[in-house]
Amino acid sequence: MKEWEGEIVPCGMEKHIDLETWDRRESYERFKDFVDPYFGVVVNLDMSPLWEYCKTWGIGINHALLYAVVKTANAYGPIKMRRRGEGVVELAHINIGTSILRKGSEGFSFAFYEYRDGMTLEEFDAMGREASAHIAGGGAINPRLLGDDVIR
C-alpha cells in the first residue's frame, strides 16, 4: 500500500454546547456512558428522478447518493454533534466516506470525500471519481477518514 501523500486539514471550528441549558440534556445524560451510542436510519425513497438525472448528465449514482446524504447531514445541526470529553460540540461541517473495491482484487478499502458548503453535485462527483480511482488503484487511505467529522 502506498503512503498517503495529501495534506491533513483540520475539520474547522467547533461550537461548544452549554449542557446546562441544552434541550437535549436529558437524552445526553441517559446515553453518554454507552460505549457506542450511535444508531442508523433506513428509509424508503423513490430515487427515480435522481437516477434519471445522473444518467442524463453522466454523474455516478453512488456519488450522487453520497452527496445527498452529506449535504442533508450538514444542514441538520444535531447530526454534526460529537462528544468531547464530558461535553458536546457541534462541528462546523462533516464529511463522508465509503468503501471502494480494489482493482484486480476481491479486497476493498475506504475513500474519503470532503464536503464544502456550496459544493455542487457535479463538483462532488468529480472529486469523488478522483478519490475513488486513487483508492481503487491501491492508493493510501486519507487519514482524515478516521476523524469523527466523517460519516460512513
Protein backbone atom coordinates (compact mmCIF):
# COMPACT_ATOMS: atom_id res chain seq x y z
CA MET A 1 0.00 0.00 0.00
CA LYS A 2 1.27 3.47 -0.86
CA GLU A 3 1.81 6.16 1.76
CA TRP A 4 -0.70 9.00 1.96
CA GLU A 5 0.64 12.00 0.05
CA GLY A 6 -2.11 14.51 0.70
CA GLU A 7 -2.45 17.30 3.19
CA ILE A 8 -4.20 16.79 6.53
CA VAL A 9 -6.51 19.73 7.10
CA PRO A 10 -8.39 20.29 10.39
CA CYS A 11 -12.16 19.99 10.07
CA GLY A 12 -12.84 23.51 11.28
CA MET A 13 -14.28 25.30 14.23
CA GLU A 14 -16.43 23.65 16.84
CA LYS A 15 -19.31 25.24 18.70
CA HIS A 16 -19.39 24.12 22.34
CA ILE A 17 -22.86 23.20 23.61
CA ASP A 18 -23.89 24.52 27.03
CA LEU A 19 -25.13 21.35 28.70
CA GLU A 20 -26.88 23.28 31.46
CA THR A 21 -29.31 24.94 29.03
CA TRP A 22 -29.34 22.34 26.24
CA ASP A 23 -32.83 21.00 25.47
CA ARG A 24 -31.33 17.56 24.70
CA ARG A 25 -29.56 17.28 28.03
CA GLU A 26 -31.86 14.57 29.42
CA SER A 27 -31.18 12.30 26.43
CA TYR A 28 -27.46 13.09 26.58
CA GLU A 29 -27.31 12.15 30.27
CA ARG A 30 -29.14 8.88 29.53
CA PHE A 31 -26.83 7.76 26.72
CA LYS A 32 -23.47 9.46 27.42
CA ASP A 33 -21.97 6.44 29.19
CA PHE A 34 -22.80 3.96 26.43
CA VAL A 35 -19.70 2.59 24.69
CA ASP A 36 -21.08 3.27 21.21
CA PRO A 37 -24.23 5.45 21.45
CA TYR A 38 -24.96 5.66 17.73
CA PHE A 39 -27.77 4.45 15.52
CA GLY A 40 -28.65 4.06 11.87
CA VAL A 41 -31.74 5.04 9.95
CA VAL A 42 -33.29 3.26 6.97
CA VAL A 43 -35.97 4.85 4.82
CA ASN A 44 -37.71 4.03 1.55
CA LEU A 45 -37.30 6.77 -1.06
CA ASP A 46 -38.16 6.93 -4.74
CA MET A 47 -34.78 7.80 -6.27
CA SER A 48 -36.01 7.54 -9.88
CA PRO A 49 -35.65 11.29 -10.58
CA LEU A 50 -32.08 11.27 -9.27
CA TRP A 51 -31.27 8.14 -11.28
CA GLU A 52 -32.59 9.77 -14.48
CA TYR A 53 -30.67 12.99 -13.77
CA CYS A 54 -27.44 11.03 -13.24
CA LYS A 55 -27.93 9.01 -16.44
CA THR A 56 -28.68 12.17 -18.43
CA TRP A 57 -25.66 14.14 -17.15
CA GLY A 58 -23.14 11.30 -16.73
CA ILE A 59 -22.93 11.56 -12.95
CA GLY A 60 -22.15 8.50 -10.84
CA ILE A 61 -25.27 7.43 -8.93
CA ASN A 62 -23.17 6.34 -5.93
CA HIS A 63 -21.58 9.79 -5.72
CA ALA A 64 -24.98 11.43 -6.12
CA LEU A 65 -26.36 9.41 -3.21
CA LEU A 66 -23.33 10.20 -1.03
CA TYR A 67 -23.70 13.89 -1.95
CA ALA A 68 -27.37 13.88 -0.98
CA VAL A 69 -26.57 12.27 2.37
CA VAL A 70 -23.67 14.54 3.30
CA LYS A 71 -25.40 17.72 2.10
CA THR A 72 -28.51 16.86 4.10
CA ALA A 73 -26.45 15.89 7.15
CA ASN A 74 -24.66 19.23 7.06
CA ALA A 75 -27.99 21.04 7.02
CA TYR A 76 -29.09 19.43 10.31
CA GLY A 77 -27.11 20.55 13.36
CA PRO A 78 -27.70 17.53 15.62
CA ILE A 79 -26.02 15.22 13.10
CA LYS A 80 -22.89 17.36 13.37
CA MET A 81 -22.73 16.99 17.17
CA ARG A 82 -19.96 14.96 18.76
CA ARG A 83 -18.93 14.08 22.29
CA ARG A 84 -15.75 15.77 23.53
CA GLY A 85 -14.66 14.62 26.98
CA GLU A 86 -17.60 15.29 29.26
CA GLY A 87 -19.18 17.74 26.83
CA VAL A 88 -20.71 18.10 23.38
CA VAL A 89 -19.65 20.19 20.39
CA GLU A 90 -21.28 20.91 17.06
CA LEU A 91 -18.80 20.67 14.20
CA ALA A 92 -18.73 23.36 11.52
CA HIS A 93 -19.22 20.67 8.88
CA ILE A 94 -18.89 16.95 8.36
CA ASN A 95 -17.54 14.82 5.53
CA ILE A 96 -18.35 11.35 4.24
CA GLY A 97 -16.51 8.12 3.49
CA THR A 98 -17.39 4.92 1.68
CA SER A 99 -15.96 1.54 0.78
CA ILE A 100 -14.28 1.07 -2.61
CA LEU A 101 -13.35 -2.19 -4.34
CA ARG A 102 -9.65 -2.52 -5.19
CA LYS A 103 -8.94 -3.11 -8.90
CA GLY A 104 -7.89 -6.68 -9.71
CA SER A 105 -8.78 -7.89 -6.24
CA GLU A 106 -11.67 -9.03 -4.13
CA GLY A 107 -10.44 -6.69 -1.41
CA PHE A 108 -11.72 -3.25 -0.62
CA SER A 109 -10.59 -0.09 1.10
CA PHE A 110 -12.15 3.24 2.02
CA ALA A 111 -12.35 6.60 0.29
CA PHE A 112 -12.71 9.98 1.97
CA TYR A 113 -14.87 12.69 0.37
CA GLU A 114 -14.57 16.22 1.70
CA TYR A 115 -17.76 18.26 1.63
CA ARG A 116 -17.69 22.04 1.30
CA ASP A 117 -20.65 24.36 1.74
CA GLY A 118 -21.98 25.41 -1.65
CA MET A 119 -20.39 22.42 -3.41
CA THR A 120 -22.44 21.29 -6.40
CA LEU A 121 -23.30 17.70 -7.25
CA GLU A 122 -21.07 17.95 -10.32
CA GLU A 123 -18.10 19.14 -8.21
CA PHE A 124 -18.70 16.38 -5.67
CA ASP A 125 -18.91 13.77 -8.42
CA ALA A 126 -15.60 14.92 -9.97
CA MET A 127 -13.87 14.88 -6.58
CA GLY A 128 -15.46 11.53 -5.75
CA ARG A 129 -14.28 9.95 -9.01
CA GLU A 130 -10.72 11.07 -8.29
CA ALA A 131 -10.80 9.82 -4.69
CA SER A 132 -12.38 6.51 -5.74
CA ALA A 133 -9.83 5.94 -8.52
CA HIS A 134 -7.00 6.68 -6.08
CA ILE A 135 -8.23 4.06 -3.60
CA ALA A 136 -9.25 1.50 -6.26
CA GLY A 137 -5.75 1.76 -7.74
CA GLY A 138 -4.07 0.91 -4.45
CA GLY A 139 -3.64 4.41 -3.06
CA ALA A 140 -3.29 5.03 0.64
CA ILE A 141 -6.30 5.88 2.76
CA ASN A 142 -6.61 9.54 3.66
CA PRO A 143 -6.02 9.69 7.44
CA ARG A 144 -8.89 12.18 7.74
CA LEU A 145 -11.22 9.22 7.11
CA LEU A 146 -10.59 8.22 10.71
CA GLY A 147 -11.82 11.53 12.13
CA ASP A 148 -15.12 11.89 13.91
CA ASP A 149 -16.10 14.53 11.36
CA VAL A 150 -16.75 11.71 8.87
CA ILE A 151 -19.99 9.79 8.46
CA ARG A 152 -19.81 6.37 6.84
